[in-house]
N, C-alpha and C. Protein backbone atom coordinates (compact mmCIF):
# COMPACT_ATOMS: atom_id res chain seq x y z
N MET A 1 -2.19 30.90 -35.34
CA MET A 1 -0.79 30.55 -35.28
C MET A 1 -0.38 30.46 -33.82
N ILE A 2 0.31 29.39 -33.47
CA ILE A 2 0.81 29.22 -32.10
C ILE A 2 2.31 29.50 -32.11
N LEU A 3 2.73 30.30 -31.14
CA LEU A 3 4.12 30.68 -31.02
C LEU A 3 4.64 30.20 -29.68
N GLU A 4 5.71 29.42 -29.72
CA GLU A 4 6.35 29.00 -28.47
C GLU A 4 7.37 30.07 -28.11
N ILE A 5 7.17 30.70 -26.95
CA ILE A 5 8.02 31.80 -26.52
C ILE A 5 9.31 31.29 -25.89
N ALA A 6 9.19 30.35 -24.96
CA ALA A 6 10.37 29.90 -24.21
C ALA A 6 10.16 28.52 -23.63
N GLN A 7 11.28 27.88 -23.32
CA GLN A 7 11.30 26.66 -22.54
C GLN A 7 12.12 26.97 -21.30
N ILE A 8 11.52 26.73 -20.14
CA ILE A 8 12.13 27.12 -18.88
C ILE A 8 12.24 25.91 -17.97
N ASP A 9 13.45 25.63 -17.52
CA ASP A 9 13.68 24.54 -16.57
C ASP A 9 13.69 25.13 -15.17
N VAL A 10 12.74 24.69 -14.35
CA VAL A 10 12.59 25.20 -12.99
C VAL A 10 13.20 24.20 -12.01
N LYS A 11 13.89 24.73 -11.01
CA LYS A 11 14.51 23.86 -10.00
C LYS A 11 13.43 23.15 -9.19
N PRO A 12 13.66 21.91 -8.81
CA PRO A 12 12.70 21.18 -8.00
C PRO A 12 12.36 21.95 -6.72
N GLY A 13 11.07 21.97 -6.40
CA GLY A 13 10.60 22.66 -5.21
C GLY A 13 10.29 24.13 -5.42
N MET A 14 10.61 24.68 -6.58
CA MET A 14 10.40 26.11 -6.84
C MET A 14 9.25 26.34 -7.83
N GLU A 15 8.47 25.31 -8.11
CA GLU A 15 7.42 25.41 -9.11
C GLU A 15 6.37 26.45 -8.75
N ALA A 16 5.94 26.49 -7.49
CA ALA A 16 4.87 27.42 -7.09
C ALA A 16 5.31 28.87 -7.27
N GLU A 17 6.52 29.18 -6.88
CA GLU A 17 7.04 30.55 -7.06
C GLU A 17 7.08 30.92 -8.54
N PHE A 18 7.55 30.00 -9.35
CA PHE A 18 7.63 30.23 -10.79
C PHE A 18 6.24 30.43 -11.39
N GLU A 19 5.31 29.54 -11.04
CA GLU A 19 3.97 29.60 -11.60
C GLU A 19 3.24 30.88 -11.21
N THR A 20 3.51 31.43 -10.04
CA THR A 20 2.91 32.71 -9.62
C THR A 20 3.33 33.82 -10.57
N GLY A 21 4.61 33.89 -10.90
CA GLY A 21 5.09 34.91 -11.83
C GLY A 21 4.51 34.75 -13.22
N ILE A 22 4.37 33.53 -13.67
CA ILE A 22 3.81 33.27 -14.99
C ILE A 22 2.33 33.65 -15.03
N ARG A 23 1.59 33.38 -13.96
CA ARG A 23 0.17 33.77 -13.92
C ARG A 23 0.03 35.28 -14.04
N GLN A 24 0.89 36.03 -13.38
CA GLN A 24 0.84 37.49 -13.49
C GLN A 24 1.12 37.93 -14.92
N ALA A 25 2.09 37.33 -15.54
CA ALA A 25 2.45 37.69 -16.91
C ALA A 25 1.36 37.30 -17.90
N SER A 26 0.64 36.22 -17.63
CA SER A 26 -0.38 35.75 -18.58
C SER A 26 -1.48 36.79 -18.79
N GLU A 27 -1.81 37.55 -17.77
CA GLU A 27 -2.83 38.59 -17.92
C GLU A 27 -2.40 39.65 -18.92
N ILE A 28 -1.12 39.98 -18.93
CA ILE A 28 -0.60 40.95 -19.89
C ILE A 28 -0.67 40.38 -21.30
N PHE A 29 -0.25 39.13 -21.46
CA PHE A 29 -0.31 38.52 -22.79
C PHE A 29 -1.73 38.44 -23.30
N ARG A 30 -2.66 38.01 -22.46
CA ARG A 30 -4.04 37.85 -22.91
C ARG A 30 -4.66 39.18 -23.33
N ALA A 31 -4.19 40.29 -22.78
CA ALA A 31 -4.73 41.60 -23.12
C ALA A 31 -4.11 42.17 -24.40
N ALA A 32 -3.05 41.57 -24.89
CA ALA A 32 -2.34 42.11 -26.05
C ALA A 32 -3.14 41.92 -27.33
N LYS A 33 -3.06 42.90 -28.20
CA LYS A 33 -3.74 42.84 -29.49
C LYS A 33 -3.23 41.63 -30.29
N GLY A 34 -4.15 40.84 -30.80
CA GLY A 34 -3.79 39.68 -31.60
C GLY A 34 -3.65 38.39 -30.82
N CYS A 35 -3.60 38.47 -29.49
CA CYS A 35 -3.43 37.28 -28.67
C CYS A 35 -4.77 36.58 -28.48
N VAL A 36 -4.83 35.30 -28.82
CA VAL A 36 -6.04 34.52 -28.66
C VAL A 36 -6.00 33.77 -27.33
N SER A 37 -4.84 33.19 -27.00
CA SER A 37 -4.71 32.47 -25.73
C SER A 37 -3.25 32.39 -25.32
N PHE A 38 -3.05 32.15 -24.02
CA PHE A 38 -1.72 31.99 -23.43
C PHE A 38 -1.75 30.72 -22.61
N ASN A 39 -0.80 29.82 -22.86
CA ASN A 39 -0.76 28.56 -22.13
C ASN A 39 0.65 28.25 -21.64
N VAL A 40 0.71 27.62 -20.50
CA VAL A 40 1.97 27.12 -19.96
C VAL A 40 1.79 25.62 -19.84
N ARG A 41 2.68 24.88 -20.47
CA ARG A 41 2.61 23.42 -20.43
C ARG A 41 3.88 22.85 -19.82
N ARG A 42 3.71 21.82 -19.05
CA ARG A 42 4.88 21.10 -18.53
C ARG A 42 5.25 20.00 -19.53
N SER A 43 6.51 19.85 -19.73
CA SER A 43 7.01 18.84 -20.65
C SER A 43 6.77 17.44 -20.08
N VAL A 44 6.34 16.54 -20.94
CA VAL A 44 6.14 15.15 -20.53
C VAL A 44 7.49 14.48 -20.32
N GLU A 45 8.43 14.76 -21.22
CA GLU A 45 9.75 14.14 -21.16
C GLU A 45 10.58 14.66 -19.98
N LYS A 46 10.43 15.93 -19.66
CA LYS A 46 11.22 16.55 -18.59
C LYS A 46 10.27 17.39 -17.73
N PRO A 47 9.74 16.82 -16.64
CA PRO A 47 8.70 17.50 -15.84
C PRO A 47 9.09 18.87 -15.29
N GLN A 48 10.38 19.15 -15.14
CA GLN A 48 10.79 20.46 -14.63
C GLN A 48 10.81 21.54 -15.72
N ARG A 49 10.55 21.13 -16.97
CA ARG A 49 10.55 22.08 -18.09
C ARG A 49 9.14 22.58 -18.36
N TYR A 50 9.02 23.88 -18.42
CA TYR A 50 7.77 24.54 -18.77
C TYR A 50 7.91 25.14 -20.16
N ARG A 51 6.86 24.99 -20.97
CA ARG A 51 6.83 25.57 -22.31
C ARG A 51 5.78 26.67 -22.32
N LEU A 52 6.17 27.87 -22.71
CA LEU A 52 5.25 29.00 -22.78
C LEU A 52 4.76 29.13 -24.21
N LEU A 53 3.45 28.99 -24.41
CA LEU A 53 2.85 29.00 -25.74
C LEU A 53 1.79 30.10 -25.83
N ILE A 54 1.80 30.80 -26.94
CA ILE A 54 0.80 31.85 -27.18
C ILE A 54 0.17 31.60 -28.53
N GLU A 55 -1.14 31.68 -28.59
CA GLU A 55 -1.84 31.57 -29.87
C GLU A 55 -2.17 32.98 -30.35
N TRP A 56 -1.75 33.30 -31.58
CA TRP A 56 -1.96 34.62 -32.17
C TRP A 56 -2.85 34.49 -33.38
N GLU A 57 -3.59 35.57 -33.66
CA GLU A 57 -4.42 35.58 -34.87
C GLU A 57 -3.54 35.35 -36.09
N THR A 58 -2.42 36.02 -36.13
CA THR A 58 -1.42 35.81 -37.19
C THR A 58 -0.06 35.99 -36.56
N LEU A 59 0.94 35.44 -37.18
CA LEU A 59 2.30 35.64 -36.68
C LEU A 59 2.66 37.12 -36.77
N GLU A 60 2.16 37.82 -37.80
CA GLU A 60 2.44 39.24 -37.95
C GLU A 60 1.91 40.03 -36.76
N ALA A 61 0.80 39.58 -36.18
CA ALA A 61 0.26 40.28 -35.01
C ALA A 61 1.28 40.27 -33.89
N HIS A 62 2.03 39.18 -33.78
CA HIS A 62 3.06 39.12 -32.74
C HIS A 62 4.27 39.97 -33.13
N THR A 63 4.80 39.74 -34.30
CA THR A 63 6.07 40.38 -34.64
C THR A 63 5.93 41.87 -34.88
N GLN A 64 4.83 42.31 -35.46
CA GLN A 64 4.69 43.73 -35.80
C GLN A 64 4.04 44.54 -34.69
N ASP A 65 3.03 43.99 -34.06
CA ASP A 65 2.29 44.78 -33.08
C ASP A 65 2.80 44.61 -31.66
N PHE A 66 3.10 43.38 -31.28
CA PHE A 66 3.28 43.11 -29.86
C PHE A 66 4.68 43.42 -29.34
N THR A 67 5.71 43.03 -30.06
CA THR A 67 7.05 43.18 -29.50
C THR A 67 7.46 44.63 -29.30
N GLY A 68 6.85 45.55 -30.02
CA GLY A 68 7.17 46.96 -29.84
C GLY A 68 6.22 47.67 -28.90
N SER A 69 5.28 46.95 -28.34
CA SER A 69 4.24 47.56 -27.52
C SER A 69 4.64 47.71 -26.06
N GLN A 70 3.90 48.53 -25.36
CA GLN A 70 4.11 48.68 -23.92
C GLN A 70 3.78 47.38 -23.20
N ALA A 71 2.80 46.62 -23.73
CA ALA A 71 2.44 45.34 -23.11
C ALA A 71 3.64 44.38 -23.12
N TRP A 72 4.42 44.38 -24.21
CA TRP A 72 5.61 43.53 -24.28
C TRP A 72 6.63 43.97 -23.24
N LYS A 73 6.84 45.27 -23.10
CA LYS A 73 7.78 45.79 -22.11
C LYS A 73 7.32 45.44 -20.70
N ASP A 74 6.02 45.54 -20.45
CA ASP A 74 5.48 45.18 -19.14
C ASP A 74 5.68 43.68 -18.87
N TYR A 75 5.41 42.87 -19.89
CA TYR A 75 5.60 41.42 -19.76
C TYR A 75 7.05 41.10 -19.42
N ARG A 76 7.97 41.66 -20.18
CA ARG A 76 9.39 41.39 -19.95
C ARG A 76 9.82 41.81 -18.54
N ALA A 77 9.26 42.94 -18.07
CA ALA A 77 9.61 43.41 -16.72
C ALA A 77 9.15 42.41 -15.66
N ILE A 78 8.00 41.77 -15.88
CA ILE A 78 7.48 40.82 -14.90
C ILE A 78 8.22 39.49 -14.97
N VAL A 79 8.39 38.95 -16.18
CA VAL A 79 8.93 37.60 -16.28
C VAL A 79 10.45 37.53 -16.36
N SER A 80 11.12 38.58 -16.77
CA SER A 80 12.57 38.52 -16.87
C SER A 80 13.24 38.15 -15.56
N PRO A 81 12.85 38.74 -14.44
CA PRO A 81 13.48 38.32 -13.18
C PRO A 81 13.23 36.85 -12.87
N CYS A 82 12.09 36.33 -13.27
CA CYS A 82 11.78 34.92 -13.03
C CYS A 82 12.68 34.04 -13.90
N PHE A 83 12.93 34.45 -15.13
CA PHE A 83 13.81 33.69 -16.01
C PHE A 83 15.23 33.67 -15.47
N GLU A 84 15.64 34.78 -14.89
CA GLU A 84 17.03 34.93 -14.48
C GLU A 84 17.24 34.61 -13.00
N ALA A 85 16.17 34.37 -12.26
CA ALA A 85 16.27 34.18 -10.81
C ALA A 85 16.99 32.88 -10.49
N PRO A 86 18.19 32.94 -9.93
CA PRO A 86 18.91 31.71 -9.60
C PRO A 86 18.15 30.78 -8.66
N PRO A 87 17.36 31.29 -7.71
CA PRO A 87 16.69 30.35 -6.80
C PRO A 87 15.68 29.42 -7.47
N SER A 88 15.01 29.89 -8.53
CA SER A 88 13.93 29.07 -9.08
C SER A 88 14.21 28.49 -10.46
N VAL A 89 15.04 29.12 -11.24
CA VAL A 89 15.22 28.71 -12.63
C VAL A 89 16.62 28.15 -12.86
N GLU A 90 16.66 26.95 -13.43
CA GLU A 90 17.95 26.35 -13.79
C GLU A 90 18.43 26.84 -15.14
N HIS A 91 17.50 26.90 -16.10
CA HIS A 91 17.88 27.22 -17.48
C HIS A 91 16.67 27.78 -18.23
N THR A 92 16.91 28.78 -19.05
CA THR A 92 15.87 29.33 -19.91
C THR A 92 16.38 29.38 -21.33
N GLU A 93 15.54 28.93 -22.24
CA GLU A 93 15.86 29.03 -23.64
C GLU A 93 14.72 29.77 -24.33
N LEU A 94 15.00 30.96 -24.85
CA LEU A 94 14.01 31.68 -25.62
C LEU A 94 13.88 30.99 -26.97
N VAL A 95 12.65 30.71 -27.36
CA VAL A 95 12.44 29.90 -28.55
C VAL A 95 11.92 30.75 -29.71
N LEU A 96 10.81 31.47 -29.51
CA LEU A 96 10.15 32.25 -30.55
C LEU A 96 10.01 31.44 -31.83
N GLN A 97 9.33 30.31 -31.71
CA GLN A 97 9.13 29.38 -32.83
C GLN A 97 7.64 29.23 -33.10
N ALA A 98 7.25 29.42 -34.33
CA ALA A 98 5.84 29.26 -34.72
C ALA A 98 5.60 27.84 -35.19
N PHE A 99 4.41 27.31 -34.87
CA PHE A 99 4.02 26.01 -35.39
C PHE A 99 2.52 25.93 -35.47
């Protein structure tokens, strides 16, 4: 099951700063129980939009195991400032959509 976590619009010229934070967070996601892969994709329609995608063994692995874990708290601590940072991020939409 693939879960889209968020869509993040990054300000032009701030991509490298944003991608550094996401790389740090990806190590936490990859270590989480049930996580198969973590991917960041740029939108074709809107190049400044990044889509954060995680593949889980099951959706239950995400909702029951991960969101209450220390790994989730660590992830949020790393990426939350990046989501909210006025210098690099224009807009963040948390999605939490499975497909």
